[in-house]
Amino acid sequence: MIIIPFFNGEEGSALVCTEIIATIGIPFNEEAVNEKVTYSLKYGIRSFRFNLAKCSSEEELEYFEKIIRNLTQNKSMQHCKIMLDLPFPGRKTRISFVDNHFTYDFESGETVTITGEKNKFRDFNTKVIFVDNENICRSVSTGQKLIYSDGDCVLSVLEVDDEQDCVIAKVSNTIKMYTKKSLSYNYVAKELNGQQYIDLVNRVKPSSVAFSFVTDLSDLLTCRNGILDKDIEIISKIETADSIKNADEIASSSNLMLGRGDLLLNSEICRLYEYQSEISKTAKRRSKKLYIATGILTSLRRQPIPTPAEMIDLYNIISCRPDGIILNAEIFIGENVEAAVKLIRDTTAQI
């Protein structure tokens, strides 16, 4: 298992370890999951994060449970850790397309229609993006920017048509969009009933559970109360301005994960570095574990050497002494996992 040790710099201080955690991408396919896990094990990674945000039906959750059960029975997975990342108590808006298309191509400057009324679809003159927020018209305003995925494209709202229950927007750049990707616009839907996820946790019994968009202590307590096995590690994802404001009280009852991608889209963008430092100090003050996720060495999917900005970012992350660094799923599609692991290890040695 790749665990990178270091002292926190104070005399008599305890040894702190940073674990590298691999995100296994979805949609979940048993063959692909096994391939990525085997690939990660080859480089000493033995902790795996599964994000269930795109599991939108009971059938998909059942299939995922089957994959996890088969995976954990493999001898090579002994002593490995499984983290379940749940879209509860909050979730992002997800998109889909007409006729269940998996992808759709959009041109720069093209006008699109966005609606939450899939059953009310009419013959619009523009391409249509469906969202799982039926109140989209009441959630956005003219001139607002809607962010596709983690910033791959911006949709500028031209008109909010309450009569047609749709939003007209302009695409910023030519792009291929994928179903179940996110659309961010400072709106997080509250999942009032996450019992299906809690039941899954109780059956699978992962090493840890990460709850999404926890904004205050009551959110956290609502989530964790249903978990029967008290040895399962509880992690609150800090992803909004409200999460930052209430981080200290949240940390009183759970460990913390800084979800930098969503925090970037749901807070003041220029304060991201400040937020990272603040959450690091909060975790230390509360003697809680800290995980940092999103956008770490992601260029290694396409190229063998990271960008200068990524190396500076990595140095700043490791300076926060996190207990875990969560690598995006995209890295495990490429061939540079070994390079990512080595860079994290070497940067830690420098610090």
Protein backbone atom coordinates (compact mmCIF):
# COMPACT_ATOMS: atom_id res chain seq x y z
CA MET A 1 0.00 0.00 0.00
CA ILE A 2 1.37 3.42 -0.90
CA ILE A 3 1.52 5.41 2.31
CA ILE A 4 3.88 8.37 2.34
CA PRO A 5 5.19 9.18 5.86
CA PHE A 6 6.42 12.52 7.19
CA PHE A 7 6.66 14.41 10.47
CA ASN A 8 4.64 17.56 10.93
CA GLY A 9 7.71 19.57 11.81
CA GLU A 10 7.20 19.89 15.56
CA GLU A 11 9.48 18.33 18.14
CA GLY A 12 8.06 15.09 19.47
CA SER A 13 5.32 15.12 16.84
CA ALA A 14 3.71 11.92 15.62
CA LEU A 15 4.40 10.47 12.22
CA VAL A 16 1.72 11.41 9.70
CA CYS A 17 0.98 9.28 6.61
CA THR A 18 -0.47 10.32 3.29
CA GLU A 19 -2.34 7.62 1.43
CA ILE A 20 -2.89 7.66 -2.34
CA ILE A 21 -6.49 6.79 -3.19
CA ALA A 22 -7.59 5.82 -6.70
CA THR A 23 -10.96 6.96 -8.03
CA ILE A 24 -12.56 4.22 -10.12
CA GLY A 25 -14.55 5.90 -12.90
CA ILE A 26 -18.09 5.15 -13.91
CA PRO A 27 -20.37 3.99 -15.49
CA PHE A 28 -19.39 0.89 -13.58
CA ASN A 29 -18.51 -2.08 -15.74
CA GLU A 30 -17.18 -5.14 -13.91
CA GLU A 31 -14.45 -5.89 -16.45
CA ALA A 32 -13.29 -2.26 -16.57
CA VAL A 33 -13.35 -1.94 -12.76
CA ASN A 34 -11.25 -5.08 -12.34
CA GLU A 35 -8.80 -3.83 -14.96
CA LYS A 36 -8.35 -0.45 -13.25
CA VAL A 37 -8.01 -1.99 -9.80
CA THR A 38 -5.39 -4.46 -11.07
CA TYR A 39 -3.57 -1.58 -12.77
CA SER A 40 -3.57 0.43 -9.53
CA LEU A 41 -2.43 -2.51 -7.40
CA LYS A 42 0.56 -2.88 -9.72
CA TYR A 43 1.81 0.50 -8.48
CA GLY A 44 1.08 -0.12 -4.82
CA ILE A 45 -2.26 1.69 -4.57
CA ARG A 46 -4.59 -0.26 -2.29
CA SER A 47 -7.33 2.27 -1.51
CA PHE A 48 -10.19 2.81 -3.95
CA ARG A 49 -12.94 5.43 -4.11
CA PHE A 50 -16.23 4.63 -5.85
CA ASN A 51 -18.42 7.65 -6.60
CA LEU A 52 -22.10 6.68 -6.73
CA ALA A 53 -23.32 10.08 -7.95
CA LYS A 54 -24.18 8.69 -11.38
CA CYS A 55 -25.99 5.58 -10.14
CA SER A 56 -29.49 6.87 -10.81
CA SER A 57 -31.58 3.71 -10.41
CA GLU A 58 -31.98 0.74 -8.08
CA GLU A 59 -30.81 -1.54 -10.90
CA GLU A 60 -27.53 0.38 -11.20
CA LEU A 61 -26.99 0.24 -7.43
CA GLU A 62 -27.63 -3.51 -7.43
CA TYR A 63 -25.13 -4.01 -10.26
CA PHE A 64 -22.57 -1.90 -8.42
CA GLU A 65 -23.07 -3.95 -5.24
CA LYS A 66 -22.44 -7.14 -7.23
CA ILE A 67 -19.19 -5.69 -8.60
CA ILE A 68 -17.97 -4.68 -5.13
CA ARG A 69 -18.81 -8.07 -3.60
CA ASN A 70 -16.97 -9.92 -6.36
CA LEU A 71 -14.06 -7.51 -6.10
CA THR A 72 -13.59 -7.87 -2.36
CA GLN A 73 -13.59 -11.67 -2.64
CA ASN A 74 -10.48 -11.48 -4.81
CA LYS A 75 -7.36 -12.50 -2.89
CA SER A 76 -5.42 -9.55 -4.34
CA MET A 77 -7.86 -7.19 -2.57
CA GLN A 78 -6.97 -8.43 0.90
CA HIS A 79 -6.04 -5.49 3.14
CA CYS A 80 -7.38 -3.04 0.53
CA LYS A 81 -9.76 -0.22 1.46
CA ILE A 82 -13.03 0.71 -0.24
CA MET A 83 -14.50 4.22 0.04
CA LEU A 84 -18.11 4.79 -1.03
CA ASP A 85 -18.76 8.39 -2.08
CA LEU A 86 -22.51 9.01 -1.80
CA PRO A 87 -24.69 11.71 -3.46
CA PHE A 88 -26.33 12.39 -0.10
CA PRO A 89 -27.37 14.65 1.67
CA GLY A 90 -26.81 16.86 -1.40
CA ARG A 91 -26.29 16.22 -5.09
CA LYS A 92 -25.45 18.11 -8.25
CA THR A 93 -27.70 18.47 -11.26
CA ARG A 94 -27.03 15.80 -13.90
CA ILE A 95 -27.76 15.98 -17.62
CA SER A 96 -29.14 13.58 -20.24
CA PHE A 97 -30.20 13.77 -23.88
CA VAL A 98 -33.14 12.94 -26.12
CA ASP A 99 -33.61 9.27 -27.07
CA ASN A 100 -31.12 8.29 -24.34
CA HIS A 101 -28.11 9.36 -26.40
CA PHE A 102 -24.91 8.83 -24.42
CA THR A 103 -23.13 11.81 -26.00
CA TYR A 104 -24.05 14.92 -27.96
CA ASP A 105 -21.84 17.28 -29.94
CA PHE A 106 -22.27 21.04 -29.52
CA GLU A 107 -20.66 23.86 -31.49
CA SER A 108 -19.23 27.10 -30.14
CA GLY A 109 -21.98 29.76 -30.02
CA GLU A 110 -24.75 27.23 -30.58
CA THR A 111 -28.07 27.82 -28.82
CA VAL A 112 -29.45 24.98 -26.70
CA THR A 113 -32.61 24.35 -24.71
CA ILE A 114 -32.31 23.13 -21.11
CA THR A 115 -35.35 21.66 -19.40
CA GLY A 116 -36.29 19.48 -16.47
CA GLU A 117 -39.55 18.43 -18.10
CA LYS A 118 -38.52 15.31 -20.00
CA ASN A 119 -42.09 14.10 -20.43
CA LYS A 120 -43.12 17.51 -21.72
CA PHE A 121 -40.62 17.52 -24.55
CA ARG A 122 -41.68 19.49 -27.61
CA ASP A 123 -40.16 20.15 -31.02
CA PHE A 124 -37.73 22.92 -30.09
CA ASN A 125 -35.66 24.54 -32.81
CA THR A 126 -32.50 23.94 -30.77
CA LYS A 127 -30.78 20.89 -29.32
CA VAL A 128 -32.14 19.84 -25.93
CA ILE A 129 -30.31 19.08 -22.68
CA PHE A 130 -32.46 17.43 -20.01
CA VAL A 131 -31.61 18.00 -16.34
CA ASP A 132 -32.83 16.21 -13.22
CA ASN A 133 -34.08 19.47 -11.73
CA GLU A 134 -37.67 20.16 -12.66
CA ASN A 135 -37.35 23.62 -11.10
CA ILE A 136 -34.51 24.73 -13.37
CA CYS A 137 -36.45 27.84 -14.40
CA ARG A 138 -36.71 28.98 -10.78
CA SER A 139 -33.07 28.10 -10.08
CA VAL A 140 -31.35 30.28 -12.71
CA SER A 141 -31.66 33.76 -14.19
CA THR A 142 -30.85 35.52 -17.44
CA GLY A 143 -27.13 36.18 -17.80
CA GLN A 144 -26.13 33.40 -15.38
CA LYS A 145 -23.30 31.00 -16.27
CA LEU A 146 -24.01 27.26 -16.06
CA ILE A 147 -20.85 25.16 -15.79
CA TYR A 148 -20.71 21.80 -17.56
CA SER A 149 -18.67 19.09 -15.82
CA ASP A 150 -15.72 20.63 -13.95
CA GLY A 151 -15.46 23.65 -16.24
CA ASP A 152 -15.14 22.02 -19.65
CA CYS A 153 -17.82 24.33 -21.04
CA VAL A 154 -19.95 27.32 -20.01
CA LEU A 155 -23.62 27.70 -20.96
CA SER A 156 -24.71 31.35 -20.77
CA VAL A 157 -28.41 31.80 -20.01
CA LEU A 158 -30.07 33.94 -22.70
CA GLU A 159 -33.68 33.47 -21.64
CA VAL A 160 -35.75 31.80 -18.94
CA ASP A 161 -39.05 30.66 -20.49
CA ASP A 162 -41.45 29.91 -17.63
CA GLU A 163 -44.29 29.12 -20.02
CA GLN A 164 -42.34 26.36 -21.76
CA ASP A 165 -40.53 25.32 -18.55
CA CYS A 166 -37.15 25.67 -20.21
CA VAL A 167 -33.99 27.75 -20.32
CA ILE A 168 -32.32 28.97 -23.52
CA ALA A 169 -28.53 29.14 -23.32
CA LYS A 170 -25.48 29.66 -25.55
CA VAL A 171 -22.57 27.21 -25.65
CA SER A 172 -19.14 28.77 -25.03
CA ASN A 173 -16.99 26.31 -26.98
CA THR A 174 -17.18 23.27 -29.25
CA ILE A 175 -17.49 20.17 -27.09
CA LYS A 176 -18.78 16.62 -26.85
CA MET A 177 -21.00 16.38 -23.79
CA TYR A 178 -21.73 13.14 -21.95
CA THR A 179 -24.90 12.00 -20.23
CA LYS A 180 -24.87 12.02 -16.41
CA LYS A 181 -22.18 14.72 -16.33
CA SER A 182 -22.90 17.60 -13.96
CA LEU A 183 -24.27 21.08 -14.55
CA SER A 184 -23.31 23.56 -11.80
CA TYR A 185 -25.04 26.88 -11.11
CA ASN A 186 -24.78 27.47 -7.34
CA TYR A 187 -27.62 25.03 -6.79
CA VAL A 188 -27.38 21.83 -4.78
CA ALA A 189 -30.41 19.58 -4.54
CA LYS A 190 -31.08 18.23 -1.06
CA GLU A 191 -31.69 14.48 -1.00
CA LEU A 192 -34.26 14.13 1.75
CA ASN A 193 -34.23 10.33 1.62
CA GLY A 194 -30.91 8.59 1.14
CA GLN A 195 -32.06 5.31 2.68
CA GLN A 196 -31.11 3.33 -0.43
CA TYR A 197 -27.51 4.48 -0.01
CA ILE A 198 -27.45 3.82 3.75
CA ASP A 199 -28.86 0.33 3.17
CA LEU A 200 -26.12 -0.27 0.60
CA VAL A 201 -23.45 0.84 3.09
CA ASN A 202 -24.86 -1.51 5.74
CA ARG A 203 -24.74 -4.45 3.31
CA VAL A 204 -21.36 -3.74 1.70
CA LYS A 205 -19.58 -2.50 4.86
CA PRO A 206 -16.88 -0.37 3.18
CA SER A 207 -13.86 0.99 5.02
CA SER A 208 -15.20 4.54 4.74
CA VAL A 209 -18.18 6.57 3.54
CA ALA A 210 -17.99 10.10 2.14
CA PHE A 211 -21.15 12.22 2.27
CA SER A 212 -21.56 14.89 -0.43
CA PHE A 213 -22.41 18.56 0.09
CA VAL A 214 -22.55 18.43 3.87
CA THR A 215 -23.32 22.02 4.82
CA ASP A 216 -23.78 21.78 8.59
CA LEU A 217 -23.77 19.38 11.53
CA SER A 218 -27.46 18.49 11.19
CA ASP A 219 -26.81 17.34 7.62
CA LEU A 220 -24.05 15.06 8.84
CA LEU A 221 -26.02 13.60 11.74
CA THR A 222 -28.97 12.86 9.45
CA CYS A 223 -26.65 10.84 7.22
CA ARG A 224 -24.59 8.91 9.72
CA ASN A 225 -27.37 7.89 12.10
CA GLY A 226 -28.49 5.02 9.88
CA ILE A 227 -25.05 3.40 9.58
CA LEU A 228 -24.95 0.34 11.79
CA ASP A 229 -21.24 -0.47 11.77
CA LYS A 230 -19.61 2.21 13.90
CA ASP A 231 -16.15 1.17 12.68
CA ILE A 232 -16.88 2.60 9.22
CA GLU A 233 -14.99 5.88 8.82
CA ILE A 234 -17.29 8.86 8.24
CA ILE A 235 -16.08 11.63 5.92
CA SER A 236 -17.86 14.93 5.20
CA LYS A 237 -17.14 16.51 1.82
CA ILE A 238 -16.54 20.25 2.03
CA GLU A 239 -17.83 21.60 -1.29
CA THR A 240 -19.71 24.86 -0.75
CA ALA A 241 -19.30 28.23 0.93
CA ASP A 242 -21.69 27.07 3.68
CA SER A 243 -19.54 23.97 4.22
CA ILE A 244 -16.50 26.21 4.71
CA LYS A 245 -18.37 28.42 7.17
CA ASN A 246 -19.53 25.43 9.24
CA ALA A 247 -16.41 23.25 8.81
CA ASP A 248 -15.42 23.40 12.47
CA GLU A 249 -18.73 22.03 13.76
CA ILE A 250 -18.80 19.43 10.97
CA ALA A 251 -15.29 18.33 11.97
CA SER A 252 -16.51 17.77 15.51
CA SER A 253 -18.24 14.60 14.29
CA SER A 254 -16.41 13.42 11.16
CA ASN A 255 -13.26 13.52 9.08
CA LEU A 256 -13.09 15.97 6.17
CA MET A 257 -12.63 15.75 2.42
CA LEU A 258 -11.93 18.95 0.51
CA GLY A 259 -13.78 18.49 -2.79
CA ARG A 260 -11.98 21.23 -4.67
CA GLY A 261 -13.81 20.79 -7.98
CA ASP A 262 -17.27 21.51 -6.60
CA LEU A 263 -15.95 24.04 -4.10
CA LEU A 264 -14.51 25.98 -7.04
CA LEU A 265 -18.00 26.11 -8.61
CA ASN A 266 -19.95 26.82 -5.41
CA SER A 267 -17.86 29.49 -3.67
CA GLU A 268 -15.61 32.45 -4.42
CA ILE A 269 -13.21 31.06 -7.03
CA CYS A 270 -10.30 33.32 -6.06
CA ARG A 271 -10.32 32.05 -2.47
CA LEU A 272 -9.74 28.36 -3.26
CA TYR A 273 -6.16 28.34 -1.91
CA GLU A 274 -7.32 30.15 1.23
CA TYR A 275 -10.10 27.58 1.71
CA GLN A 276 -7.64 24.70 1.32
CA SER A 277 -5.39 26.15 4.02
CA GLU A 278 -8.35 26.88 6.29
CA ILE A 279 -9.78 23.35 6.07
CA SER A 280 -6.31 21.89 6.69
CA LYS A 281 -6.02 23.90 9.91
CA THR A 282 -9.56 22.94 10.96
CA ALA A 283 -8.81 19.22 10.54
CA LYS A 284 -5.60 19.52 12.58
CA ARG A 285 -7.28 21.55 15.30
CA ARG A 286 -10.02 18.94 15.62
CA SER A 287 -7.52 16.01 15.28
CA LYS A 288 -9.47 14.73 12.26
CA LYS A 289 -8.28 13.13 9.05
CA LEU A 290 -8.06 15.31 5.95
CA TYR A 291 -8.49 14.14 2.36
CA ILE A 292 -7.85 16.41 -0.62
CA ALA A 293 -9.46 15.63 -3.98
CA THR A 294 -9.95 16.88 -7.53
CA GLY A 295 -7.61 18.16 -10.19
CA ILE A 296 -4.37 16.63 -8.89
CA LEU A 297 -1.86 15.92 -11.69
CA THR A 298 -4.72 15.41 -14.17
CA SER A 299 -2.60 16.35 -17.20
CA LEU A 300 -0.79 13.02 -16.74
CA ARG A 301 -3.69 11.39 -18.53
CA ARG A 302 -2.50 13.00 -21.77
CA GLN A 303 1.20 13.71 -21.25
CA PRO A 304 4.15 12.19 -19.37
CA ILE A 305 5.13 15.39 -17.52
CA PRO A 306 2.70 17.56 -15.49
CA THR A 307 2.32 21.30 -15.90
CA PRO A 308 4.28 23.70 -13.66
CA ALA A 309 1.01 24.82 -12.06
CA GLU A 310 0.19 21.23 -11.13
CA MET A 311 3.57 20.73 -9.48
CA ILE A 312 3.14 23.90 -7.42
CA ASP A 313 -0.37 22.72 -6.51
CA LEU A 314 0.98 19.31 -5.46
CA TYR A 315 3.62 20.97 -3.26
CA ASN A 316 0.94 23.09 -1.57
CA ILE A 317 -1.29 20.04 -1.05
CA ILE A 318 1.46 17.99 0.57
CA SER A 319 2.38 21.00 2.74
CA CYS A 320 -1.11 20.66 4.24
CA ARG A 321 -0.10 17.20 5.53
CA PRO A 322 -3.25 15.43 4.28
CA ASP A 323 -4.04 11.88 5.34
CA GLY A 324 -5.14 11.04 1.81
CA ILE A 325 -4.69 12.36 -1.72
CA ILE A 326 -7.50 11.27 -4.04
CA LEU A 327 -6.52 11.00 -7.69
CA ASN A 328 -9.16 11.54 -10.38
CA ALA A 329 -10.43 8.61 -12.43
CA GLU A 330 -9.00 10.18 -15.60
CA ILE A 331 -5.42 9.40 -14.55
CA PHE A 332 -6.24 5.70 -14.46
CA ILE A 333 -7.43 5.82 -18.07
CA GLY A 334 -3.95 6.91 -19.15
CA GLU A 335 -0.60 5.22 -18.74
CA ASN A 336 1.11 7.53 -16.26
CA VAL A 337 -0.09 6.26 -12.87
CA GLU A 338 3.47 5.28 -12.00
CA ALA A 339 4.62 8.82 -12.81
CA ALA A 340 1.90 10.32 -10.59
CA VAL A 341 2.82 8.07 -7.67
CA LYS A 342 6.52 8.88 -8.05
CA LEU A 343 5.88 12.63 -8.21
CA ILE A 344 3.81 12.54 -5.02
CA ARG A 345 6.47 10.48 -3.26
CA ASP A 346 9.36 12.67 -4.46
CA THR A 347 7.57 15.92 -3.62
CA THR A 348 6.86 14.63 -0.13
CA ALA A 349 10.55 13.80 0.28
CA GLN A 350 11.47 17.37 -0.72
CA ILE A 351 9.12 18.84 1.88
